[in-house]
Amino acid sequence: TAAAMAPMPMQAKFTADMVDNQRDPSCGMPARAGLEDTVHYKGHVIGFCSKECKDEFMKDPEKGLTAADLKKK
């Protein structure tokens, strides 16, 4: 049937409760909207909506860490 042939909606690989940031530090998207990639940096797990945002973060991680809106521990 056509319903069986329909593409499945894309599922995020990571959830907001798996990372230490509340926002993607590169684009500002809320982490709860879905994360596709992560990086471990200075004891934090930082989540990103895409590989491109992760790559942008890695150009200047200190600046990005400030923009990540880290959760209070």
PDB file of N, CA and C in Angstrom:
ATOM      1  N   THR A   1       0.836  -1.188   0.000  1.00  0.00           N
ATOM      2  CA  THR A   1       0.000   0.000   0.000  1.00  0.00           C
ATOM      3  C   THR A   1       0.874   1.241   0.000  1.00  0.00           C
ATOM      4  N   ALA A   2       0.269   2.339  -0.345  1.00  0.00           N
ATOM      5  CA  ALA A   2       1.010   3.604  -0.378  1.00  0.00           C
ATOM      6  C   ALA A   2       1.493   3.996   1.019  1.00  0.00           C
ATOM      7  N   ALA A   3       0.689   3.703   2.039  1.00  0.00           N
ATOM      8  CA  ALA A   3       1.083   4.048   3.413  1.00  0.00           C
ATOM      9  C   ALA A   3       2.333   3.285   3.834  1.00  0.00           C
ATOM     10  N   ALA A   4       2.456   2.054   3.392  1.00  0.00           N
ATOM     11  CA  ALA A   4       3.631   1.248   3.742  1.00  0.00           C
ATOM     12  C   ALA A   4       4.879   1.749   3.029  1.00  0.00           C
ATOM     13  N   MET A   5       4.709   2.418   1.915  1.00  0.00           N
ATOM     14  CA  MET A   5       5.827   2.921   1.121  1.00  0.00           C
ATOM     15  C   MET A   5       6.270   4.323   1.560  1.00  0.00           C
ATOM     16  N   ALA A   6       5.468   5.004   2.370  1.00  0.00           N
ATOM     17  CA  ALA A   6       5.783   6.373   2.789  1.00  0.00           C
ATOM     18  C   ALA A   6       7.049   6.378   3.636  1.00  0.00           C
ATOM     19  N   PRO A   7       7.905   7.383   3.440  1.00  0.00           N
ATOM     20  CA  PRO A   7       9.132   7.446   4.246  1.00  0.00           C
ATOM     21  C   PRO A   7       8.820   7.681   5.719  1.00  0.00           C
ATOM     22  N   MET A   8       9.626   7.093   6.566  1.00  0.00           N
ATOM     23  CA  MET A   8       9.479   7.285   8.008  1.00  0.00           C
ATOM     24  C   MET A   8       9.999   8.672   8.365  1.00  0.00           C
ATOM     25  N   PRO A   9       9.362   9.362   9.314  1.00  0.00           N
ATOM     26  CA  PRO A   9       9.900  10.654   9.749  1.00  0.00           C
ATOM     27  C   PRO A   9      11.266  10.455  10.391  1.00  0.00           C
ATOM     28  N   MET A  10      12.153  11.426  10.165  1.00  0.00           N
ATOM     29  CA  MET A  10      13.511  11.325  10.696  1.00  0.00           C
ATOM     30  C   MET A  10      13.492  11.443  12.216  1.00  0.00           C
ATOM     31  N   GLN A  11      14.155  10.542  12.895  1.00  0.00           N
ATOM     32  CA  GLN A  11      14.253  10.557  14.351  1.00  0.00           C
ATOM     33  C   GLN A  11      15.605  11.142  14.751  1.00  0.00           C
ATOM     34  N   ALA A  12      15.617  11.996  15.736  1.00  0.00           N
ATOM     35  CA  ALA A  12      16.870  12.535  16.245  1.00  0.00           C
ATOM     36  C   ALA A  12      17.641  11.417  16.937  1.00  0.00           C
ATOM     37  N   LYS A  13      18.957  11.460  16.832  1.00  0.00           N
ATOM     38  CA  LYS A  13      19.803  10.441  17.444  1.00  0.00           C
ATOM     39  C   LYS A  13      19.931  10.643  18.945  1.00  0.00           C
ATOM     40  N   PHE A  14      19.854  11.878  19.379  1.00  0.00           N
ATOM     41  CA  PHE A  14      20.072  12.218  20.782  1.00  0.00           C
ATOM     42  C   PHE A  14      18.898  13.048  21.290  1.00  0.00           C
ATOM     43  N   THR A  15      18.673  13.011  22.590  1.00  0.00           N
ATOM     44  CA  THR A  15      17.618  13.827  23.188  1.00  0.00           C
ATOM     45  C   THR A  15      18.246  14.905  24.062  1.00  0.00           C
ATOM     46  N   ALA A  16      17.455  15.914  24.379  1.00  0.00           N
ATOM     47  CA  ALA A  16      17.952  17.045  25.163  1.00  0.00           C
ATOM     48  C   ALA A  16      18.457  16.620  26.537  1.00  0.00           C
ATOM     49  N   ASP A  17      17.890  15.556  27.115  1.00  0.00           N
ATOM     50  CA  ASP A  17      18.348  15.137  28.440  1.00  0.00           C
ATOM     51  C   ASP A  17      19.680  14.375  28.387  1.00  0.00           C
ATOM     52  N   MET A  18      20.204  14.105  27.198  1.00  0.00           N
ATOM     53  CA  MET A  18      21.494  13.420  27.047  1.00  0.00           C
ATOM     54  C   MET A  18      22.669  14.400  26.966  1.00  0.00           C
ATOM     55  N   VAL A  19      22.385  15.693  26.844  1.00  0.00           N
ATOM     56  CA  VAL A  19      23.439  16.691  26.648  1.00  0.00           C
ATOM     57  C   VAL A  19      23.384  17.751  27.738  1.00  0.00           C
ATOM     58  N   ASP A  20      24.440  18.551  27.813  1.00  0.00           N
ATOM     59  CA  ASP A  20      24.547  19.584  28.841  1.00  0.00           C
ATOM     60  C   ASP A  20      24.083  20.960  28.374  1.00  0.00           C
ATOM     61  N   ASN A  21      23.802  21.121  27.086  1.00  0.00           N
ATOM     62  CA  ASN A  21      23.382  22.427  26.575  1.00  0.00           C
ATOM     63  C   ASN A  21      21.880  22.459  26.323  1.00  0.00           C
ATOM     64  N   GLN A  22      21.332  23.680  26.442  1.00  0.00           N
ATOM     65  CA  GLN A  22      19.911  23.881  26.182  1.00  0.00           C
ATOM     66  C   GLN A  22      19.663  24.380  24.759  1.00  0.00           C
ATOM     67  N   ARG A  23      20.701  24.918  24.134  1.00  0.00           N
ATOM     68  CA  ARG A  23      20.608  25.447  22.766  1.00  0.00           C
ATOM     69  C   ARG A  23      21.803  24.969  21.957  1.00  0.00           C
ATOM     70  N   ASP A  24      21.576  24.774  20.660  1.00  0.00           N
ATOM     71  CA  ASP A  24      22.682  24.503  19.754  1.00  0.00           C
ATOM     72  C   ASP A  24      23.553  25.760  19.766  1.00  0.00           C
ATOM     73  N   PRO A  25      24.834  25.644  20.140  1.00  0.00           N
ATOM     74  CA  PRO A  25      25.665  26.832  20.273  1.00  0.00           C
ATOM     75  C   PRO A  25      25.980  27.518  18.950  1.00  0.00           C
ATOM     76  N   SER A  26      25.767  26.855  17.834  1.00  0.00           N
ATOM     77  CA  SER A  26      26.077  27.455  16.534  1.00  0.00           C
ATOM     78  C   SER A  26      24.892  28.195  15.932  1.00  0.00           C
ATOM     79  N   CYS A  27      23.696  27.607  16.006  1.00  0.00           N
ATOM     80  CA  CYS A  27      22.534  28.232  15.358  1.00  0.00           C
ATOM     81  C   CYS A  27      21.474  28.711  16.345  1.00  0.00           C
ATOM     82  N   GLY A  28      21.581  28.297  17.616  1.00  0.00           N
ATOM     83  CA  GLY A  28      20.639  28.748  18.630  1.00  0.00           C
ATOM     84  C   GLY A  28      19.366  27.930  18.742  1.00  0.00           C
ATOM     85  N   MET A  29      19.233  26.877  17.935  1.00  0.00           N
ATOM     86  CA  MET A  29      18.031  26.046  18.000  1.00  0.00           C
ATOM     87  C   MET A  29      17.933  25.370  19.363  1.00  0.00           C
ATOM     88  N   PRO A  30      16.735  25.306  19.969  1.00  0.00           N
ATOM     89  CA  PRO A  30      16.598  24.618  21.256  1.00  0.00           C
ATOM     90  C   PRO A  30      16.968  23.137  21.123  1.00  0.00           C
ATOM     91  N   ALA A  31      17.700  22.623  22.095  1.00  0.00           N
ATOM     92  CA  ALA A  31      18.117  21.216  22.076  1.00  0.00           C
ATOM     93  C   ALA A  31      16.918  20.281  22.076  1.00  0.00           C
ATOM     94  N   ARG A  32      15.830  20.688  22.669  1.00  0.00           N
ATOM     95  CA  ARG A  32      14.653  19.817  22.734  1.00  0.00           C
ATOM     96  C   ARG A  32      14.028  19.598  21.356  1.00  0.00           C
ATOM     97  N   ALA A  33      14.412  20.380  20.358  1.00  0.00           N
ATOM     98  CA  ALA A  33      13.871  20.228  19.005  1.00  0.00           C
ATOM     99  C   ALA A  33      14.497  19.052  18.262  1.00  0.00           C
ATOM    100  N   GLY A  34      15.591  18.509  18.791  1.00  0.00           N
ATOM    101  CA  GLY A  34      16.231  17.349  18.165  1.00  0.00           C
ATOM    102  C   GLY A  34      17.695  17.577  17.896  1.00  0.00           C
ATOM    103  N   LEU A  35      18.483  16.575  18.179  1.00  0.00           N
ATOM    104  CA  LEU A  35      19.934  16.664  18.017  1.00  0.00           C
ATOM    105  C   LEU A  35      20.435  15.521  17.161  1.00  0.00           C
ATOM    106  N   GLU A  36      21.347  15.830  16.256  1.00  0.00           N
ATOM    107  CA  GLU A  36      21.899  14.834  15.349  1.00  0.00           C
ATOM    108  C   GLU A  36      23.349  14.479  15.648  1.00  0.00           C
ATOM    109  N   ASP A  37      24.060  15.297  16.415  1.00  0.00           N
ATOM    110  CA  ASP A  37      25.479  15.050  16.658  1.00  0.00           C
ATOM    111  C   ASP A  37      25.861  15.634  18.013  1.00  0.00           C
ATOM    112  N   THR A  38      26.940  15.119  18.576  1.00  0.00           N
ATOM    113  CA  THR A  38      27.442  15.629  19.859  1.00  0.00           C
ATOM    114  C   THR A  38      28.959  15.706  19.822  1.00  0.00           C
ATOM    115  N   VAL A  39      29.500  16.433  20.795  1.00  0.00           N
ATOM    116  CA  VAL A  39      30.943  16.471  21.019  1.00  0.00           C
ATOM    117  C   VAL A  39      31.166  16.572  22.524  1.00  0.00           C
ATOM    118  N   HIS A  40      32.218  15.962  23.003  1.00  0.00           N
ATOM    119  CA  HIS A  40      32.627  16.099  24.398  1.00  0.00           C
ATOM    120  C   HIS A  40      33.685  17.194  24.439  1.00  0.00           C
ATOM    121  N   TYR A  41      33.442  18.209  25.254  1.00  0.00           N
ATOM    122  CA  TYR A  41      34.383  19.331  25.340  1.00  0.00           C
ATOM    123  C   TYR A  41      34.430  19.835  26.775  1.00  0.00           C
ATOM    124  N   LYS A  42      35.614  19.807  27.354  1.00  0.00           N
ATOM    125  CA  LYS A  42      35.853  20.300  28.716  1.00  0.00           C
ATOM    126  C   LYS A  42      34.846  19.752  29.726  1.00  0.00           C
ATOM    127  N   GLY A  43      34.604  18.451  29.665  1.00  0.00           N
ATOM    128  CA  GLY A  43      33.719  17.802  30.620  1.00  0.00           C
ATOM    129  C   GLY A  43      32.240  17.941  30.333  1.00  0.00           C
ATOM    130  N   HIS A  44      31.891  18.525  29.210  1.00  0.00           N
ATOM    131  CA  HIS A  44      30.496  18.715  28.823  1.00  0.00           C
ATOM    132  C   HIS A  44      30.186  17.892  27.576  1.00  0.00           C
ATOM    133  N   VAL A  45      28.962  17.428  27.484  1.00  0.00           N
ATOM    134  CA  VAL A  45      28.463  16.816  26.254  1.00  0.00           C
ATOM    135  C   VAL A  45      27.598  17.881  25.589  1.00  0.00           C
ATOM    136  N   ILE A  46      28.047  18.342  24.423  1.00  0.00           N
ATOM    137  CA  ILE A  46      27.351  19.406  23.715  1.00  0.00           C
ATOM    138  C   ILE A  46      26.637  18.800  22.506  1.00  0.00           C
ATOM    139  N   GLY A  47      25.350  19.082  22.367  1.00  0.00           N
ATOM    140  CA  GLY A  47      24.547  18.555  21.267  1.00  0.00           C
ATOM    141  C   GLY A  47      24.333  19.587  20.174  1.00  0.00           C
ATOM    142  N   PHE A  48      24.213  19.088  18.937  1.00  0.00           N
ATOM    143  CA  PHE A  48      24.052  19.941  17.757  1.00  0.00           C
ATOM    144  C   PHE A  48      22.933  19.415  16.875  1.00  0.00           C
ATOM    145  N   CYS A  49      22.252  20.304  16.187  1.00  0.00           N
ATOM    146  CA  CYS A  49      21.176  19.896  15.290  1.00  0.00           C
ATOM    147  C   CYS A  49      21.708  19.272  14.011  1.00  0.00           C
ATOM    148  N   SER A  50      22.977  19.529  13.678  1.00  0.00           N
ATOM    149  CA  SER A  50      23.539  18.995  12.438  1.00  0.00           C
ATOM    150  C   SER A  50      25.063  18.909  12.548  1.00  0.00           C
ATOM    151  N   LYS A  51      25.653  18.162  11.625  1.00  0.00           N
ATOM    152  CA  LYS A  51      27.111  18.065  11.554  1.00  0.00           C
ATOM    153  C   LYS A  51      27.717  19.438  11.231  1.00  0.00           C
ATOM    154  N   GLU A  52      27.021  20.210  10.412  1.00  0.00           N
ATOM    155  CA  GLU A  52      27.517  21.539  10.050  1.00  0.00           C
ATOM    156  C   GLU A  52      27.619  22.443  11.275  1.00  0.00           C
ATOM    157  N   CYS A  53      26.637  22.370  12.168  1.00  0.00           N
ATOM    158  CA  CYS A  53      26.692  23.176  13.392  1.00  0.00           C
ATOM    159  C   CYS A  53      27.824  22.701  14.298  1.00  0.00           C
ATOM    160  N   LYS A  54      28.039  21.398  14.368  1.00  0.00           N
ATOM    161  CA  LYS A  54      29.160  20.866  15.150  1.00  0.00           C
ATOM    162  C   LYS A  54      30.481  21.370  14.573  1.00  0.00           C
ATOM    163  N   ASP A  55      30.621  21.323  13.248  1.00  0.00           N
ATOM    164  CA  ASP A  55      31.845  21.797  12.596  1.00  0.00           C
ATOM    165  C   ASP A  55      32.084  23.276  12.887  1.00  0.00           C
ATOM    166  N   GLU A  56      31.023  24.067  12.877  1.00  0.00           N
ATOM    167  CA  GLU A  56      31.135  25.502  13.180  1.00  0.00           C
ATOM    168  C   GLU A  56      31.600  25.701  14.627  1.00  0.00           C
ATOM    169  N   PHE A  57      31.043  24.951  15.555  1.00  0.00           N
ATOM    170  CA  PHE A  57      31.441  25.010  16.956  1.00  0.00           C
ATOM    171  C   PHE A  57      32.929  24.717  17.114  1.00  0.00           C
ATOM    172  N   MET A  58      33.416  23.718  16.403  1.00  0.00           N
ATOM    173  CA  MET A  58      34.802  23.290  16.550  1.00  0.00           C
ATOM    174  C   MET A  58      35.810  24.321  16.051  1.00  0.00           C
ATOM    175  N   LYS A  59      35.370  25.304  15.278  1.00  0.00           N
ATOM    176  CA  LYS A  59      36.253  26.385  14.827  1.00  0.00           C
ATOM    177  C   LYS A  59      36.665  27.278  15.996  1.00  0.00           C
ATOM    178  N   ASP A  60      35.770  27.461  16.971  1.00  0.00           N
ATOM    179  CA  ASP A  60      36.037  28.298  18.145  1.00  0.00           C
ATOM    180  C   ASP A  60      35.198  27.778  19.313  1.00  0.00           C
ATOM    181  N   PRO A  61      35.596  26.619  19.891  1.00  0.00           N
ATOM    182  CA  PRO A  61      34.763  25.997  20.931  1.00  0.00           C
ATOM    183  C   PRO A  61      34.553  26.860  22.175  1.00  0.00           C
ATOM    184  N   GLU A  62      35.504  27.690  22.539  1.00  0.00           N
ATOM    185  CA  GLU A  62      35.326  28.539  23.729  1.00  0.00           C
ATOM    186  C   GLU A  62      34.169  29.516  23.526  1.00  0.00           C
ATOM    187  N   LYS A  63      34.111  30.122  22.371  1.00  0.00           N
ATOM    188  CA  LYS A  63      33.009  31.037  22.053  1.00  0.00           C
ATOM    189  C   LYS A  63      31.694  30.253  22.019  1.00  0.00           C
ATOM    190  N   GLY A  64      31.724  29.085  21.411  1.00  0.00           N
ATOM    191  CA  GLY A  64      30.523  28.265  21.308  1.00  0.00           C
ATOM    192  C   GLY A  64      30.024  27.783  22.660  1.00  0.00           C
ATOM    193  N   LEU A  65      30.933  27.483  23.559  1.00  0.00           N
ATOM    194  CA  LEU A  65      30.534  27.014  24.884  1.00  0.00           C
ATOM    195  C   LEU A  65      29.731  28.080  25.614  1.00  0.00           C
ATOM    196  N   THR A  66      30.096  29.327  25.430  1.00  0.00           N
ATOM    197  CA  THR A  66      29.357  30.444  26.016  1.00  0.00           C
ATOM    198  C   THR A  66      27.943  30.523  25.438  1.00  0.00           C
ATOM    199  N   ALA A  67      27.812  30.254  24.155  1.00  0.00           N
ATOM    200  CA  ALA A  67      26.509  30.344  23.479  1.00  0.00           C
ATOM    201  C   ALA A  67      25.638  29.117  23.706  1.00  0.00           C
ATOM    202  N   ALA A  68      26.182  28.062  24.304  1.00  0.00           N
ATOM    203  CA  ALA A  68      25.463  26.793  24.447  1.00  0.00           C
ATOM    204  C   ALA A  68      24.345  26.833  25.477  1.00  0.00           C
ATOM    205  N   ASP A  69      24.317  27.846  26.318  1.00  0.00           N
ATOM    206  CA  ASP A  69      23.295  27.939  27.371  1.00  0.00           C
ATOM    207  C   ASP A  69      23.283  26.647  28.186  1.00  0.00           C
ATOM    208  N   LEU A  70      24.406  26.401  28.861  1.00  0.00           N
ATOM    209  CA  LEU A  70      24.585  25.156  29.628  1.00  0.00           C
ATOM    210  C   LEU A  70      23.561  25.041  30.742  1.00  0.00           C
ATOM    211  N   LYS A  71      23.134  23.825  30.977  1.00  0.00           N
ATOM    212  CA  LYS A  71      22.186  23.549  32.061  1.00  0.00           C
ATOM    213  C   LYS A  71      22.897  23.714  33.399  1.00  0.00           C
ATOM    214  N   LYS A  72      22.156  24.132  34.385  1.00  0.00           N
ATOM    215  CA  LYS A  72      22.700  24.248  35.746  1.00  0.00           C
ATOM    216  C   LYS A  72      22.829  22.846  36.333  1.00  0.00           C
ATOM    217  N   LYS A  73      23.940  22.565  36.953  1.00  0.00           N
ATOM    218  CA  LYS A  73      24.146  21.236  37.539  1.00  0.00           C
ATOM    219  C   LYS A  73      23.867  21.260  39.018  1.00  0.00           C
TER     220      LYS A  73
END
